Every structure is written in C-alpha cells, then in structure tokens.
Amino acid sequence: MSVSGVTVAVVVVTYNSEHLLPELLGALGPGLGRLSWHLTVADNASADGTVAALRRLAPDATVVEMGRNAGYAAGINAAVAAAPPHAAVLVLNPDVRLKPGCVETLLAALATSGTGIAVPHIVDGAGALIPTLRREPTILRALGDAVLGARRAGRYAILGEVVTDDRRYARETVIDWAEGSTMLINRECWQQCGPWDESFFLYSEETDFALRSRDAGFATRFVPAARAVHLEGDSRHSPKLWALLTLNRVRLFRRRHGLMRTAAYWFVLLGREVSRALLGRETSRAAVRDLLRPAKIREVPGPATVHSVG
C-alpha cells in the first residue's frame, strides 16, 4: 500500500478530554507524515470545554456530538460512519501522542498479505514499554494470571494472556490482539468485520474486533518501528472501571465458548479477584461484588454503569 493517494480516517472518542487535545492534535501532523488524513471526533457528552476546544484548535475536523455517554465502541462507530472516504481507519485514544512517521510505518505494514490491523510499539509518559500485545483469553491463561501474576505468566505463551517478554517487542510479529489505544485498520477489514460491538461500552471491544477479524482471515500485526506514547487511563485504580473490565472479559469469553467453559473461566477470574480483595485491593472488591451478581454479567453496560470514557 503506497503512501501517495491514501487517505486515513483518524477517529478519536472524547469524554472530558479538553486538557488532552493540544498535545494530541499537535502530534497528528508529524505522526501521519506525508499521508492524506482527516480527523473525526465523537464526543460522549463532555461536560468540560472539549467540543469548543476542538472547534477552535481543529476547525477542519468533523465533530460528532453523541448527546450522551454512549461508550467507546459507539463513538468509534459513529466517527467512522461520519468520516470522509478513506483507505484505512486510525483508532486513537485522546491520551496518545504519535511519534513522527508512526502511521506511515503502520500503513506500510498493512500491505503485508493477510494483515488487517497494524499496531505500534507504545511507551508510557516516562518512556517505559507498555506491554500491549495479547494472546487469546483461555481458562489456562486466566489461571496462570491468577496464580503467577500477569507479568510472570506472560513470559509463557500457554500461561499468560499479556505478552510480557520484552524481546517480543523488538521484532515485527502477528498477535491475537493488542491493546486498542492506537490501531490502524484497513478498509477491507473494517468493511467485513466492523462495526465494533457497542454492547461492551468500554473494554473488550477491541479484543472482540481483533478476534473476529482474525476469524475472518485478517491478522493483527505488531510493528515495532512505529512508535507512540500512551499516557494511559485509570482502570487499574478505579473500582468501577476495573469491575467493568473484569465483567467484559467474562462477556467476551461467553460469546466465543460454551456455558461450561465460561463457568470455569468465571470461577478462575473470581478466585483471582477474591485473593486480591483479601489483600485490601478496592478494585478487586468491586469486581468480586459484580462477578457474584449474574444480572451484571448479562446486562448491556451503559452510562448508568460507568461514567468515564476517553
């Protein structure tokens, strides 16, 4: 896929993101380099000055006002639907800062046969590697995480969902899925596998999309030469967000597996959260409370469930 003539739809979902916009927007030009691109932002009813700041700082952008906190997947879908014609979709969190040439490098990787999604090497604000690569969720991997912890279990493909071996981040590779703050998706993959599933509201929507894309023959390719910085959110510190993240893992597993296997997966996740709750972790206490409420697992999350996206 050559650079010339390619238009990228840059799609961002915002929620009270005014303070993030200047640096986000400032990094887009260098990050997209020679590519033709257009920015479309879906705003989930921000209560700050996000929309006004967008219109001031990016007057050529398309702004979709959702009118409510509709969730991350719904925002992505609305932004893609409103975007001008494009050859690829760049899904971008508002707290991501693209490094120069990042998207051009990702676009070149999309030309690799069978690739539908390309993701970059991502570091945090201090420059430390963020382990963004993931293996498909399994009962054994959930057990490995519960017993060994994600960092140790992730060194072994059979035991860990999170890829934690730093050597794996030094070379280009195909992975089951990747953390969704920065994803370049080619048009064919989006047309065949989109839109994103809005019932997840927040968390697991990128997992679902990447696994469905893989099922349809589109690989997720990690491209270490493409670089970005992710300032990251607060799911690990917010009880509501951690509980939602945990519940959505069960919901996703249930959609891909039978009832008996899902029950085993739920039991392992419950055991992990109970063990951490006993150590005083408030996030895990919230997860345990919700895991023990079947209606919580069945319900479609919405604004009444969680109030933070973006």
C-alpha atoms as a PDB file:
ATOM      1  CA  MET A   1       0.000   0.000   0.000  1.00  0.00           C
ATOM      2  CA  SER A   2       1.751   3.139  -1.172  1.00  0.00           C
ATOM      3  CA  VAL A   3       1.643   6.433   0.676  1.00  0.00           C
ATOM      4  CA  SER A   4       0.549   8.561  -2.259  1.00  0.00           C
ATOM      5  CA  GLY A   5      -3.199   8.859  -2.688  1.00  0.00           C
ATOM      6  CA  VAL A   6      -4.019   7.095   0.594  1.00  0.00           C
ATOM      7  CA  THR A   7      -6.415   8.853   2.946  1.00  0.00           C
ATOM      8  CA  VAL A   8      -6.575   7.850   6.598  1.00  0.00           C
ATOM      9  CA  ALA A   9      -9.648   8.473   8.724  1.00  0.00           C
ATOM     10  CA  VAL A  10      -8.309   9.462  12.151  1.00  0.00           C
ATOM     11  CA  VAL A  11     -11.079   8.696  14.646  1.00  0.00           C
ATOM     12  CA  VAL A  12     -10.968   9.772  18.293  1.00  0.00           C
ATOM     13  CA  VAL A  13     -13.548   9.387  21.059  1.00  0.00           C
ATOM     14  CA  THR A  14     -13.506  12.116  23.694  1.00  0.00           C
ATOM     15  CA  TYR A  15     -15.046  12.461  27.141  1.00  0.00           C
ATOM     16  CA  ASN A  16     -13.982  15.483  29.190  1.00  0.00           C
ATOM     17  CA  SER A  17     -10.739  15.451  27.207  1.00  0.00           C
ATOM     18  CA  GLU A  18     -10.133  19.177  26.793  1.00  0.00           C
ATOM     19  CA  HIS A  19      -6.791  19.079  28.613  1.00  0.00           C
ATOM     20  CA  LEU A  20      -5.506  16.344  26.285  1.00  0.00           C
ATOM     21  CA  LEU A  21      -6.345  17.977  22.979  1.00  0.00           C
ATOM     22  CA  PRO A  22      -3.448  20.391  22.353  1.00  0.00           C
ATOM     23  CA  GLU A  23      -0.760  17.693  22.539  1.00  0.00           C
ATOM     24  CA  LEU A  24      -2.910  15.108  20.730  1.00  0.00           C
ATOM     25  CA  LEU A  25      -3.590  17.442  17.831  1.00  0.00           C
ATOM     26  CA  GLY A  26      -0.027  18.721  17.738  1.00  0.00           C
ATOM     27  CA  ALA A  27       1.304  15.203  17.246  1.00  0.00           C
ATOM     28  CA  LEU A  28      -1.071  14.216  14.431  1.00  0.00           C
ATOM     29  CA  GLY A  29       0.754  16.012  11.619  1.00  0.00           C
ATOM     30  CA  PRO A  30       4.199  14.546  12.358  1.00  0.00           C
ATOM     31  CA  GLY A  31       2.677  11.169  13.168  1.00  0.00           C
ATOM     32  CA  LEU A  32       0.853  10.909   9.838  1.00  0.00           C
ATOM     33  CA  GLY A  33       3.689  12.434   7.823  1.00  0.00           C
ATOM     34  CA  ARG A  34       3.027  12.507   4.077  1.00  0.00           C
ATOM     35  CA  LEU A  35      -0.355  10.817   4.335  1.00  0.00           C
ATOM     36  CA  SER A  36      -3.623  12.491   3.480  1.00  0.00           C
ATOM     37  CA  TRP A  37      -5.857  12.381   6.529  1.00  0.00           C
ATOM     38  CA  HIS A  38      -8.965  13.765   8.126  1.00  0.00           C
ATOM     39  CA  LEU A  39      -9.862  13.938  11.801  1.00  0.00           C
ATOM     40  CA  THR A  40     -13.297  12.872  13.032  1.00  0.00           C
ATOM     41  CA  VAL A  41     -14.050  13.117  16.746  1.00  0.00           C
ATOM     42  CA  ALA A  42     -17.037  11.578  18.505  1.00  0.00           C
ATOM     43  CA  ASP A  43     -17.688  13.364  21.785  1.00  0.00           C
ATOM     44  CA  ASN A  44     -19.553  11.470  24.510  1.00  0.00           C
ATOM     45  CA  ALA A  45     -21.329  14.453  26.033  1.00  0.00           C
ATOM     46  CA  SER A  46     -18.291  16.055  27.646  1.00  0.00           C
ATOM     47  CA  ALA A  47     -19.110  18.430  30.480  1.00  0.00           C
ATOM     48  CA  ASP A  48     -15.934  20.467  30.030  1.00  0.00           C
ATOM     49  CA  GLY A  49     -14.879  22.537  27.036  1.00  0.00           C
ATOM     50  CA  THR A  50     -13.866  19.611  24.820  1.00  0.00           C
ATOM     51  CA  VAL A  51     -16.161  20.404  21.883  1.00  0.00           C
ATOM     52  CA  ALA A  52     -15.426  24.125  21.934  1.00  0.00           C
ATOM     53  CA  ALA A  53     -11.690  23.400  22.094  1.00  0.00           C
ATOM     54  CA  LEU A  54     -11.952  21.026  19.148  1.00  0.00           C
ATOM     55  CA  ARG A  55     -13.733  23.604  17.031  1.00  0.00           C
ATOM     56  CA  ARG A  56     -11.104  26.179  17.941  1.00  0.00           C
ATOM     57  CA  LEU A  57      -7.973  24.019  17.644  1.00  0.00           C
ATOM     58  CA  ALA A  58      -9.076  21.795  14.742  1.00  0.00           C
ATOM     59  CA  PRO A  59     -11.626  23.772  12.701  1.00  0.00           C
ATOM     60  CA  ASP A  60     -11.397  21.351   9.759  1.00  0.00           C
ATOM     61  CA  ALA A  61     -12.233  18.306  11.889  1.00  0.00           C
ATOM     62  CA  THR A  62     -15.627  16.639  11.843  1.00  0.00           C
ATOM     63  CA  VAL A  63     -17.135  16.622  15.326  1.00  0.00           C
ATOM     64  CA  VAL A  64     -19.942  14.175  16.104  1.00  0.00           C
ATOM     65  CA  GLU A  65     -21.765  15.123  19.292  1.00  0.00           C
ATOM     66  CA  MET A  66     -23.202  11.857  20.651  1.00  0.00           C
ATOM     67  CA  GLY A  67     -25.559  13.638  23.065  1.00  0.00           C
ATOM     68  CA  ARG A  68     -24.841  11.069  25.799  1.00  0.00           C
ATOM     69  CA  ASN A  69     -22.014   8.946  27.128  1.00  0.00           C
ATOM     70  CA  ALA A  70     -22.603   6.227  24.561  1.00  0.00           C
ATOM     71  CA  GLY A  71     -19.395   4.283  25.168  1.00  0.00           C
ATOM     72  CA  TYR A  72     -16.122   3.844  23.346  1.00  0.00           C
ATOM     73  CA  ALA A  73     -17.270   1.423  20.647  1.00  0.00           C
ATOM     74  CA  ALA A  74     -20.329   3.524  19.830  1.00  0.00           C
ATOM     75  CA  GLY A  75     -18.114   6.578  19.490  1.00  0.00           C
ATOM     76  CA  ILE A  76     -15.700   4.766  17.176  1.00  0.00           C
ATOM     77  CA  ASN A  77     -18.577   3.537  15.001  1.00  0.00           C
ATOM     78  CA  ALA A  78     -20.168   6.979  14.805  1.00  0.00           C
ATOM     79  CA  ALA A  79     -16.862   8.624  13.898  1.00  0.00           C
ATOM     80  CA  VAL A  80     -16.079   6.085  11.164  1.00  0.00           C
ATOM     81  CA  ALA A  81     -19.588   6.486   9.724  1.00  0.00           C
ATOM     82  CA  ALA A  82     -19.171  10.275   9.610  1.00  0.00           C
ATOM     83  CA  ALA A  83     -15.642  10.258   8.183  1.00  0.00           C
ATOM     84  CA  PRO A  84     -14.966  11.176   4.545  1.00  0.00           C
ATOM     85  CA  PRO A  85     -13.892   8.370   2.133  1.00  0.00           C
ATOM     86  CA  HIS A  86     -10.756   6.624   3.360  1.00  0.00           C
ATOM     87  CA  ALA A  87      -8.493   3.638   2.786  1.00  0.00           C
ATOM     88  CA  ALA A  88      -7.745   2.978   6.443  1.00  0.00           C
ATOM     89  CA  VAL A  89      -9.074   3.867   9.890  1.00  0.00           C
ATOM     90  CA  LEU A  90      -6.747   5.037  12.658  1.00  0.00           C
ATOM     91  CA  VAL A  91      -8.404   4.445  16.033  1.00  0.00           C
ATOM     92  CA  LEU A  92      -6.715   6.740  18.515  1.00  0.00           C
ATOM     93  CA  ASN A  93      -7.239   7.468  22.207  1.00  0.00           C
ATOM     94  CA  PRO A  94      -7.088  11.167  23.116  1.00  0.00           C
ATOM     95  CA  ASP A  95      -4.194  10.453  25.501  1.00  0.00           C
ATOM     96  CA  VAL A  96      -1.979   9.011  22.749  1.00  0.00           C
ATOM     97  CA  ARG A  97       0.883  11.004  21.252  1.00  0.00           C
ATOM     98  CA  LEU A  98       2.054   9.730  17.871  1.00  0.00           C
ATOM     99  CA  LYS A  99       5.771   9.788  17.163  1.00  0.00           C
ATOM    100  CA  PRO A 100       6.899  11.135  13.753  1.00  0.00           C
ATOM    101  CA  GLY A 101       6.208   8.735  10.900  1.00  0.00           C
ATOM    102  CA  CYS A 102       4.233   6.315  13.070  1.00  0.00           C
ATOM    103  CA  VAL A 103       1.199   5.941  10.824  1.00  0.00           C
ATOM    104  CA  GLU A 104       3.175   5.793   7.579  1.00  0.00           C
ATOM    105  CA  THR A 105       5.077   2.841   9.041  1.00  0.00           C
ATOM    106  CA  LEU A 106       1.854   1.161  10.157  1.00  0.00           C
ATOM    107  CA  LEU A 107       0.313   1.711   6.725  1.00  0.00           C
ATOM    108  CA  ALA A 108       3.276   0.028   5.031  1.00  0.00           C
ATOM    109  CA  ALA A 109       2.733  -2.986   7.325  1.00  0.00           C
ATOM    110  CA  LEU A 110      -0.898  -3.219   6.241  1.00  0.00           C
ATOM    111  CA  ALA A 111       0.404  -4.138   2.779  1.00  0.00           C
ATOM    112  CA  THR A 112       1.684  -7.437   4.192  1.00  0.00           C
ATOM    113  CA  SER A 113      -0.574 -10.205   2.911  1.00  0.00           C
ATOM    114  CA  GLY A 114      -3.381 -11.109   5.313  1.00  0.00           C
ATOM    115  CA  THR A 115      -2.870  -8.104   7.592  1.00  0.00           C
ATOM    116  CA  GLY A 116      -5.997  -6.208   8.600  1.00  0.00           C
ATOM    117  CA  ILE A 117      -4.806  -4.368  11.712  1.00  0.00           C
ATOM    118  CA  ALA A 118      -1.420  -2.807  12.469  1.00  0.00           C
ATOM    119  CA  VAL A 119      -0.372  -1.604  15.935  1.00  0.00           C
ATOM    120  CA  PRO A 120       2.728   0.291  17.100  1.00  0.00           C
ATOM    121  CA  HIS A 121       5.303  -0.037  19.859  1.00  0.00           C
ATOM    122  CA  ILE A 122       3.889   2.010  22.752  1.00  0.00           C
ATOM    123  CA  VAL A 123       5.597   3.506  25.782  1.00  0.00           C
ATOM    124  CA  ASP A 124       4.213   5.419  28.740  1.00  0.00           C
ATOM    125  CA  GLY A 125       4.848   9.058  29.581  1.00  0.00           C
ATOM    126  CA  ALA A 126       8.165   8.156  31.225  1.00  0.00           C
ATOM    127  CA  GLY A 127       9.341   6.193  28.190  1.00  0.00           C
ATOM    128  CA  ALA A 128       8.832   2.717  29.671  1.00  0.00           C
ATOM    129  CA  LEU A 129       7.474  -0.047  27.444  1.00  0.00           C
ATOM    130  CA  ILE A 130       3.757  -0.733  27.807  1.00  0.00           C
ATOM    131  CA  PRO A 131       3.116  -4.449  27.182  1.00  0.00           C
ATOM    132  CA  THR A 132       0.284  -4.047  24.686  1.00  0.00           C
ATOM    133  CA  LEU A 133       0.398  -7.439  22.950  1.00  0.00           C
ATOM    134  CA  ARG A 134      -2.183 -10.026  23.933  1.00  0.00           C
ATOM    135  CA  ARG A 135      -2.940 -13.700  23.392  1.00  0.00           C
ATOM    136  CA  GLU A 136      -6.480 -15.010  23.095  1.00  0.00           C
ATOM    137  CA  PRO A 137      -8.142 -15.409  26.511  1.00  0.00           C
ATOM    138  CA  THR A 138      -8.250 -19.012  27.742  1.00  0.00           C
ATOM    139  CA  ILE A 139      -9.031 -20.692  31.046  1.00  0.00           C
ATOM    140  CA  LEU A 140      -5.414 -21.752  31.476  1.00  0.00           C
ATOM    141  CA  ARG A 141      -4.136 -18.236  30.814  1.00  0.00           C
ATOM    142  CA  ALA A 142      -6.606 -16.806  33.298  1.00  0.00           C
ATOM    143  CA  LEU A 143      -5.383 -19.377  35.829  1.00  0.00           C
ATOM    144  CA  GLY A 144      -1.759 -18.501  35.105  1.00  0.00           C
ATOM    145  CA  ASP A 145      -2.543 -14.835  35.727  1.00  0.00           C
ATOM    146  CA  ALA A 146      -4.366 -15.684  38.962  1.00  0.00           C
ATOM    147  CA  VAL A 147      -1.590 -17.888  40.349  1.00  0.00           C
ATOM    148  CA  LEU A 148       1.591 -16.325  38.976  1.00  0.00           C
ATOM    149  CA  GLY A 149       0.523 -12.778  38.209  1.00  0.00           C
ATOM    150  CA  ALA A 150       0.299 -11.293  34.726  1.00  0.00           C
ATOM    151  CA  ARG A 151       3.983 -10.350  34.485  1.00  0.00           C
ATOM    152  CA  ARG A 152       5.372 -13.818  35.253  1.00  0.00           C
ATOM    153  CA  ALA A 153       2.636 -15.780  33.482  1.00  0.00           C
ATOM    154  CA  GLY A 154       3.010 -13.653  30.363  1.00  0.00           C
ATOM    155  CA  ARG A 155       6.504 -14.998  29.728  1.00  0.00           C
ATOM    156  CA  TYR A 156       4.927 -18.296  28.695  1.00  0.00           C
ATOM    157  CA  ALA A 157       2.504 -18.451  25.767  1.00  0.00           C
ATOM    158  CA  ILE A 158       0.392 -21.191  27.305  1.00  0.00           C
ATOM    159  CA  LEU A 159       0.026 -19.444  30.682  1.00  0.00           C
ATOM    160  CA  GLY A 160      -0.231 -15.723  30.016  1.00  0.00           C
ATOM    161  CA  GLU A 161      -2.589 -13.502  28.051  1.00  0.00           C
ATOM    162  CA  VAL A 162      -0.377 -10.408  28.284  1.00  0.00           C
ATOM    163  CA  VAL A 163       2.903 -10.788  26.359  1.00  0.00           C
ATOM    164  CA  THR A 164       5.498  -9.615  28.887  1.00  0.00           C
ATOM    165  CA  ASP A 165       8.761 -10.802  27.324  1.00  0.00           C
ATOM    166  CA  ASP A 166      10.485  -7.581  26.222  1.00  0.00           C
ATOM    167  CA  ARG A 167      12.210  -9.477  23.394  1.00  0.00           C
ATOM    168  CA  ARG A 168       8.848  -9.966  21.691  1.00  0.00           C
ATOM    169  CA  TYR A 169       8.570  -6.183  21.361  1.00  0.00           C
ATOM    170  CA  ALA A 170      11.800  -5.910  19.381  1.00  0.00           C
ATOM    171  CA  ARG A 171      10.569  -7.651  16.223  1.00  0.00           C
ATOM    172  CA  GLU A 172       7.568  -7.483  13.937  1.00  0.00           C
ATOM    173  CA  THR A 173       5.080 -10.219  14.691  1.00  0.00           C
ATOM    174  CA  VAL A 174       1.477 -11.340  14.339  1.00  0.00           C
ATOM    175  CA  ILE A 175      -0.515 -11.454  17.567  1.00  0.00           C
ATOM    176  CA  ASP A 176      -4.062 -12.483  18.522  1.00  0.00           C
ATOM    177  CA  TRP A 177      -4.982  -8.959  19.589  1.00  0.00           C
ATOM    178  CA  ALA A 178      -3.471  -5.809  21.037  1.00  0.00           C
ATOM    179  CA  GLU A 179      -4.435  -3.010  23.392  1.00  0.00           C
ATOM    180  CA  GLY A 180      -6.645  -0.693  21.396  1.00  0.00           C
ATOM    181  CA  SER A 181      -5.383   2.831  22.065  1.00  0.00           C
ATOM    182  CA  THR A 182      -3.673   3.021  18.647  1.00  0.00           C
ATOM    183  CA  MET A 183      -4.851   0.749  15.840  1.00  0.00           C
ATOM    184  CA  LEU A 184      -4.670   1.187  12.071  1.00  0.00           C
ATOM    185  CA  ILE A 185      -7.360  -0.872  10.332  1.00  0.00           C
ATOM    186  CA  ASN A 186      -7.552  -1.293   6.585  1.00  0.00           C
ATOM    187  CA  ARG A 187     -10.825  -0.578   4.798  1.00  0.00           C
ATOM    188  CA  GLU A 188     -11.457  -4.182   3.739  1.00  0.00           C
ATOM    189  CA  CYS A 189     -11.059  -5.433   7.302  1.00  0.00           C
ATOM    190  CA  TRP A 190     -13.419  -2.764   8.627  1.00  0.00           C
ATOM    191  CA  GLN A 191     -15.998  -3.429   5.935  1.00  0.00           C
ATOM    192  CA  GLN A 192     -16.017  -7.174   6.594  1.00  0.00           C
ATOM    193  CA  CYS A 193     -15.676  -7.171  10.396  1.00  0.00           C
ATOM    194  CA  GLY A 194     -16.992  -3.813  11.594  1.00  0.00           C
ATOM    195  CA  PRO A 195     -18.614  -2.130  13.295  1.00  0.00           C
ATOM    196  CA  TRP A 196     -17.306  -2.569  16.832  1.00  0.00           C
ATOM    197  CA  ASP A 197     -19.690  -4.225  19.271  1.00  0.00           C
ATOM    198  CA  GLU A 198     -21.329  -1.419  21.228  1.00  0.00           C
ATOM    199  CA  SER A 199     -22.684  -3.705  23.937  1.00  0.00           C
ATOM    200  CA  PHE A 200     -19.253  -3.734  25.616  1.00  0.00           C
ATOM    201  CA  PHE A 201     -19.456   0.045  26.231  1.00  0.00           C
ATOM    202  CA  LEU A 202     -15.818   0.124  27.399  1.00  0.00           C
ATOM    203  CA  TYR A 203     -13.124  -2.618  27.472  1.00  0.00           C
ATOM    204  CA  SER A 204     -13.014  -5.848  25.424  1.00  0.00           C
ATOM    205  CA  GLU A 205     -14.446  -4.144  22.347  1.00  0.00           C
ATOM    206  CA  GLU A 206     -11.018  -4.107  20.690  1.00  0.00           C
ATOM    207  CA  THR A 207     -10.460  -7.730  21.735  1.00  0.00           C
ATOM    208  CA  ASP A 208     -13.743  -8.746  20.167  1.00  0.00           C
ATOM    209  CA  PHE A 209     -12.996  -6.861  16.949  1.00  0.00           C
ATOM    210  CA  ALA A 210      -9.463  -8.226  16.582  1.00  0.00           C
ATOM    211  CA  LEU A 211     -10.536 -11.820  17.260  1.00  0.00           C
ATOM    212  CA  ARG A 212     -13.443 -11.539  14.840  1.00  0.00           C
ATOM    213  CA  SER A 213     -11.048 -10.074  12.278  1.00  0.00           C
ATOM    214  CA  ARG A 214      -8.634 -12.965  12.817  1.00  0.00           C
ATOM    215  CA  ASP A 215     -11.514 -15.416  12.388  1.00  0.00           C
ATOM    216  CA  ALA A 216     -12.253 -13.724   9.038  1.00  0.00           C
ATOM    217  CA  GLY A 217      -8.620 -14.061   7.910  1.00  0.00           C
ATOM    218  CA  PHE A 218      -7.267 -10.614   8.896  1.00  0.00           C
ATOM    219  CA  ALA A 219      -4.197 -10.689  11.144  1.00  0.00           C
ATOM    220  CA  THR A 220      -3.185  -8.134  13.767  1.00  0.00           C
ATOM    221  CA  ARG A 221       0.447  -7.176  13.109  1.00  0.00           C
ATOM    222  CA  PHE A 222       2.729  -5.545  15.676  1.00  0.00           C
ATOM    223  CA  VAL A 223       5.135  -3.064  14.068  1.00  0.00           C
ATOM    224  CA  PRO A 224       7.944  -2.042  16.467  1.00  0.00           C
ATOM    225  CA  ALA A 225       9.335   0.570  14.070  1.00  0.00           C
ATOM    226  CA  ALA A 226       6.100   2.555  14.526  1.00  0.00           C
ATOM    227  CA  ARG A 227       6.153   4.428  17.833  1.00  0.00           C
ATOM    228  CA  ALA A 228       3.616   6.143  20.069  1.00  0.00           C
ATOM    229  CA  VAL A 229       3.228   7.327  23.665  1.00  0.00           C
ATOM    230  CA  HIS A 230       0.147   6.423  25.705  1.00  0.00           C
ATOM    231  CA  LEU A 231      -0.440   8.342  28.910  1.00  0.00           C
ATOM    232  CA  GLU A 232      -2.998   5.658  29.957  1.00  0.00           C
ATOM    233  CA  GLY A 233      -6.221   5.855  31.928  1.00  0.00           C
ATOM    234  CA  ASP A 234      -7.169   4.782  35.424  1.00  0.00           C
ATOM    235  CA  SER A 235      -8.807   1.361  35.055  1.00  0.00           C
ATOM    236  CA  ARG A 236      -6.297  -0.188  37.466  1.00  0.00           C
ATOM    237  CA  HIS A 237      -7.157   2.386  40.136  1.00  0.00           C
ATOM    238  CA  SER A 238     -10.904   2.910  39.623  1.00  0.00           C
ATOM    239  CA  PRO A 239     -13.130   0.236  41.238  1.00  0.00           C
ATOM    240  CA  LYS A 240     -15.951   0.878  38.736  1.00  0.00           C
ATOM    241  CA  LEU A 241     -13.683   0.634  35.716  1.00  0.00           C
ATOM    242  CA  TRP A 242     -11.829  -2.442  36.970  1.00  0.00           C
ATOM    243  CA  ALA A 243     -15.126  -4.202  37.696  1.00  0.00           C
ATOM    244  CA  LEU A 244     -16.391  -3.362  34.205  1.00  0.00           C
ATOM    245  CA  LEU A 245     -13.135  -4.562  32.630  1.00  0.00           C
ATOM    246  CA  THR A 246     -13.424  -7.869  34.510  1.00  0.00           C
ATOM    247  CA  LEU A 247     -17.102  -8.359  33.669  1.00  0.00           C
ATOM    248  CA  ASN A 248     -16.492  -7.661  30.000  1.00  0.00           C
ATOM    249  CA  ARG A 249     -13.800 -10.335  29.929  1.00  0.00           C
ATOM    250  CA  VAL A 250     -16.455 -12.841  31.018  1.00  0.00           C
ATOM    251  CA  ARG A 251     -18.972 -11.493  28.498  1.00  0.00           C
ATOM    252  CA  LEU A 252     -16.450 -11.797  25.689  1.00  0.00           C
ATOM    253  CA  PHE A 253     -15.463 -15.333  26.680  1.00  0.00           C
ATOM    254  CA  ARG A 254     -19.109 -16.380  26.853  1.00  0.00           C
ATOM    255  CA  ARG A 255     -19.684 -15.244  23.262  1.00  0.00           C
ATOM    256  CA  ARG A 256     -16.893 -17.460  21.973  1.00  0.00           C
ATOM    257  CA  HIS A 257     -17.302 -20.530  24.167  1.00  0.00           C
ATOM    258  CA  GLY A 258     -19.958 -22.747  25.705  1.00  0.00           C
ATOM    259  CA  LEU A 259     -21.618 -22.380  29.078  1.00  0.00           C
ATOM    260  CA  MET A 260     -19.438 -24.932  30.903  1.00  0.00           C
ATOM    261  CA  ARG A 261     -16.151 -23.397  29.750  1.00  0.00           C
ATOM    262  CA  THR A 262     -17.438 -19.917  30.562  1.00  0.00           C
ATOM    263  CA  ALA A 263     -18.382 -21.058  34.066  1.00  0.00           C
ATOM    264  CA  ALA A 264     -14.822 -22.330  34.575  1.00  0.00           C
ATOM    265  CA  TYR A 265     -13.391 -19.066  33.253  1.00  0.00           C
ATOM    266  CA  TRP A 266     -15.667 -17.063  35.568  1.00  0.00           C
ATOM    267  CA  PHE A 267     -14.606 -19.191  38.543  1.00  0.00           C
ATOM    268  CA  VAL A 268     -10.915 -18.561  37.830  1.00  0.00           C
ATOM    269  CA  LEU A 269     -11.438 -14.801  37.494  1.00  0.00           C
ATOM    270  CA  LEU A 270     -13.490 -14.780  40.680  1.00  0.00           C
ATOM    271  CA  GLY A 271     -10.719 -16.620  42.543  1.00  0.00           C
ATOM    272  CA  ARG A 272      -8.148 -14.118  41.311  1.00  0.00           C
ATOM    273  CA  GLU A 273     -10.197 -11.121  42.392  1.00  0.00           C
ATOM    274  CA  VAL A 274     -11.085 -12.665  45.768  1.00  0.00           C
ATOM    275  CA  SER A 275      -7.411 -13.304  46.516  1.00  0.00           C
ATOM    276  CA  ARG A 276      -6.543  -9.702  45.709  1.00  0.00           C
ATOM    277  CA  ALA A 277      -9.574  -8.344  47.584  1.00  0.00           C
ATOM    278  CA  LEU A 278      -8.350 -10.160  50.681  1.00  0.00           C
ATOM    279  CA  LEU A 279      -5.123  -8.182  50.330  1.00  0.00           C
ATOM    280  CA  GLY A 280      -7.132  -4.980  50.553  1.00  0.00           C
ATOM    281  CA  ARG A 281      -7.496  -4.042  46.883  1.00  0.00           C
ATOM    282  CA  GLU A 282     -10.665  -1.969  46.498  1.00  0.00           C
ATOM    283  CA  THR A 283     -10.717  -2.518  42.729  1.00  0.00           C
ATOM    284  CA  SER A 284     -10.870  -6.280  43.261  1.00  0.00           C
ATOM    285  CA  ARG A 285     -13.578  -5.929  45.912  1.00  0.00           C
ATOM    286  CA  ALA A 286     -15.719  -4.119  43.330  1.00  0.00           C
ATOM    287  CA  ALA A 287     -15.001  -6.836  40.752  1.00  0.00           C
ATOM    288  CA  VAL A 288     -15.976  -9.586  43.208  1.00  0.00           C
ATOM    289  CA  ARG A 289     -19.271  -7.854  44.015  1.00  0.00           C
ATOM    290  CA  ASP A 290     -20.167  -7.631  40.335  1.00  0.00           C
ATOM    291  CA  LEU A 291     -18.960 -11.123  39.418  1.00  0.00           C
ATOM    292  CA  LEU A 292     -21.288 -12.529  42.070  1.00  0.00           C
ATOM    293  CA  ARG A 293     -24.290 -10.767  40.513  1.00  0.00           C
ATOM    294  CA  PRO A 294     -25.420 -12.735  37.415  1.00  0.00           C
ATOM    295  CA  ALA A 295     -27.510  -9.813  36.204  1.00  0.00           C
ATOM    296  CA  LYS A 296     -24.352  -7.716  35.980  1.00  0.00           C
ATOM    297  CA  ILE A 297     -22.767 -10.217  33.611  1.00  0.00           C
ATOM    298  CA  ARG A 298     -25.882 -10.381  31.442  1.00  0.00           C
ATOM    299  CA  GLU A 299     -26.648  -6.661  31.263  1.00  0.00           C
ATOM    300  CA  VAL A 300     -25.535  -4.395  28.459  1.00  0.00           C
ATOM    301  CA  PRO A 301     -23.325  -1.717  30.081  1.00  0.00           C
ATOM    302  CA  GLY A 302     -24.307   1.883  29.656  1.00  0.00           C
ATOM    303  CA  PRO A 303     -23.971   5.325  31.181  1.00  0.00           C
ATOM    304  CA  ALA A 304     -25.642   4.141  34.371  1.00  0.00           C
ATOM    305  CA  THR A 305     -22.836   1.605  34.802  1.00  0.00           C
ATOM    306  CA  VAL A 306     -19.758   3.734  34.270  1.00  0.00           C
ATOM    307  CA  HIS A 307     -19.176   7.390  33.521  1.00  0.00           C
ATOM    308  CA  SER A 308     -15.670   7.611  32.126  1.00  0.00           C
ATOM    309  CA  VAL A 309     -14.675   7.146  28.515  1.00  0.00           C
ATOM    310  CA  GLY A 310     -11.663   8.755  26.915  1.00  0.00           C
END
